[in-house]
Amino acid sequence: MKSVLVILTQANLANLQVHESLSATMVLATFGCEVKVLLQDAGLSLLHSELQFDQFKHAFKIASNMVDSFEFYDLSPILVEQKNQHNHFVTQTEQDIEFIEFNSEFIQSFDFVLYW
């Protein structure tokens, strides 16, 4: 079985690309790939699921709603770098989080890395 690390750096409400990235991640998990998701930078905002979609304020639907379904795709726990453990989005989330050291050894433990 191939292992894939998906690194998401796009903000929750930034653009349609984050929806496409999350959809592709879930498709990979559905079809037998061992997928781990690492949230970095603005991607940490995907942990904020208490937002309500308002079509007059937001151009795109809230991507964090898709992250809420990760447990059904065996995409939990969500990986977060150790240095971000005190980030507001991380401390306030109800998602299952695993803290990691992001280094070359960690990256090399995967067959493929997708960076979005």
Protein backbone atom coordinates (compact mmCIF):
# COMPACT_ATOMS: atom_id res chain seq x y z
CA MET A 1 0.00 0.00 0.00
CA LYS A 2 1.36 3.41 -0.98
CA SER A 3 1.62 6.09 1.69
CA VAL A 4 0.86 9.70 0.86
CA LEU A 5 1.51 12.83 2.89
CA VAL A 6 -0.84 15.68 1.96
CA ILE A 7 0.35 19.09 3.14
CA LEU A 8 -2.42 21.69 3.16
CA THR A 9 -1.43 25.34 3.46
CA GLN A 10 -4.53 27.09 2.09
CA ALA A 11 -6.80 29.09 4.39
CA ASN A 12 -10.31 27.92 5.23
CA LEU A 13 -12.16 30.59 3.25
CA ALA A 14 -9.43 31.58 0.78
CA ASN A 15 -10.39 29.96 -2.51
CA LEU A 16 -11.82 26.99 -4.34
CA GLN A 17 -8.42 25.25 -4.45
CA VAL A 18 -8.70 24.21 -0.80
CA HIS A 19 -11.97 22.40 -1.59
CA GLU A 20 -10.35 20.61 -4.52
CA SER A 21 -7.37 19.65 -2.38
CA LEU A 22 -9.58 18.24 0.36
CA SER A 23 -11.71 16.37 -2.18
CA ALA A 24 -8.64 14.82 -3.81
CA THR A 25 -7.34 13.82 -0.37
CA MET A 26 -10.59 12.05 0.46
CA VAL A 27 -10.59 10.28 -2.92
CA LEU A 28 -7.07 8.96 -2.28
CA ALA A 29 -8.17 7.65 1.12
CA THR A 30 -11.29 6.07 -0.38
CA PHE A 31 -9.29 4.10 -2.93
CA GLY A 32 -6.86 2.43 -0.59
CA CYS A 33 -3.97 4.84 -0.14
CA GLU A 34 -2.63 5.35 3.34
CA VAL A 35 -3.04 9.12 3.63
CA LYS A 36 -1.81 11.46 6.36
CA VAL A 37 -2.79 15.14 6.35
CA LEU A 38 -0.45 17.83 7.66
CA LEU A 39 -1.84 21.33 8.19
CA GLN A 40 0.65 24.17 7.92
CA ASP A 41 0.54 27.96 7.95
CA ALA A 42 -2.89 29.28 6.85
CA GLY A 43 -4.08 25.66 6.57
CA LEU A 44 -4.37 25.58 10.37
CA SER A 45 -7.55 27.64 9.94
CA LEU A 46 -9.18 24.45 8.60
CA LEU A 47 -9.43 23.35 12.23
CA HIS A 48 -11.89 26.18 12.92
CA SER A 49 -15.24 24.51 12.22
CA GLU A 50 -17.54 26.78 14.20
CA LEU A 51 -17.90 29.20 11.29
CA GLN A 52 -21.28 29.61 9.63
CA PHE A 53 -21.45 30.10 5.86
CA ASP A 54 -22.89 33.46 4.83
CA GLN A 55 -23.26 33.85 1.08
CA PHE A 56 -23.06 37.63 1.40
CA LYS A 57 -19.73 37.53 3.27
CA HIS A 58 -17.99 34.46 1.88
CA ALA A 59 -17.16 33.74 -1.75
CA PHE A 60 -16.68 30.02 -1.05
CA LYS A 61 -18.25 27.49 1.26
CA ILE A 62 -16.44 26.70 4.47
CA ALA A 63 -13.76 24.08 3.82
CA SER A 64 -13.43 23.13 7.47
CA ASN A 65 -16.77 21.35 7.16
CA MET A 66 -15.00 18.83 4.93
CA VAL A 67 -12.27 18.37 7.54
CA ASP A 68 -14.98 17.42 10.04
CA SER A 69 -15.62 14.28 7.98
CA PHE A 70 -11.98 13.10 8.04
CA GLU A 71 -12.73 10.43 10.63
CA PHE A 72 -14.99 8.63 8.11
CA TYR A 73 -12.09 8.42 5.64
CA ASP A 74 -9.52 7.22 8.20
CA LEU A 75 -7.71 10.55 7.88
CA SER A 76 -7.48 11.08 11.62
CA PRO A 77 -5.43 12.16 13.43
CA ILE A 78 -4.58 15.38 11.62
CA LEU A 79 -0.88 16.16 11.74
CA VAL A 80 0.35 19.52 13.04
CA GLU A 81 3.93 20.61 13.54
CA GLN A 82 5.11 20.64 17.15
CA LYS A 83 5.93 24.35 16.88
CA ASN A 84 2.23 25.13 16.25
CA GLN A 85 0.83 23.32 19.28
CA HIS A 86 -0.10 26.63 20.95
CA ASN A 87 -1.74 28.13 17.85
CA HIS A 88 -5.29 29.38 18.51
CA PHE A 89 -6.84 27.10 15.87
CA VAL A 90 -5.03 24.07 17.28
CA THR A 91 -5.91 24.71 20.93
CA GLN A 92 -9.58 25.39 20.13
CA THR A 93 -10.25 22.42 17.86
CA GLU A 94 -12.13 19.23 18.66
CA GLN A 95 -10.27 17.33 15.92
CA ASP A 96 -7.90 14.50 16.79
CA ILE A 97 -4.42 16.05 16.45
CA GLU A 98 -0.97 14.45 16.38
CA PHE A 99 2.06 16.69 16.78
CA ILE A 100 5.09 15.89 14.65
CA GLU A 101 8.59 17.17 13.95
CA PHE A 102 8.60 18.23 10.30
CA ASN A 103 12.00 17.21 8.94
CA SER A 104 13.54 15.26 6.07
CA GLU A 105 13.31 11.96 7.93
CA PHE A 106 9.56 12.46 8.41
CA ILE A 107 9.03 13.33 4.73
CA GLN A 108 11.08 10.36 3.53
CA SER A 109 8.83 7.99 5.47
CA PHE A 110 6.15 8.51 2.76
CA ASP A 111 6.07 7.22 -0.81
CA PHE A 112 4.54 10.45 -2.14
CA VAL A 113 4.11 14.02 -0.89
CA LEU A 114 1.41 16.35 -2.21
CA TYR A 115 1.76 20.02 -1.30
CA TRP A 116 -1.29 22.25 -1.72
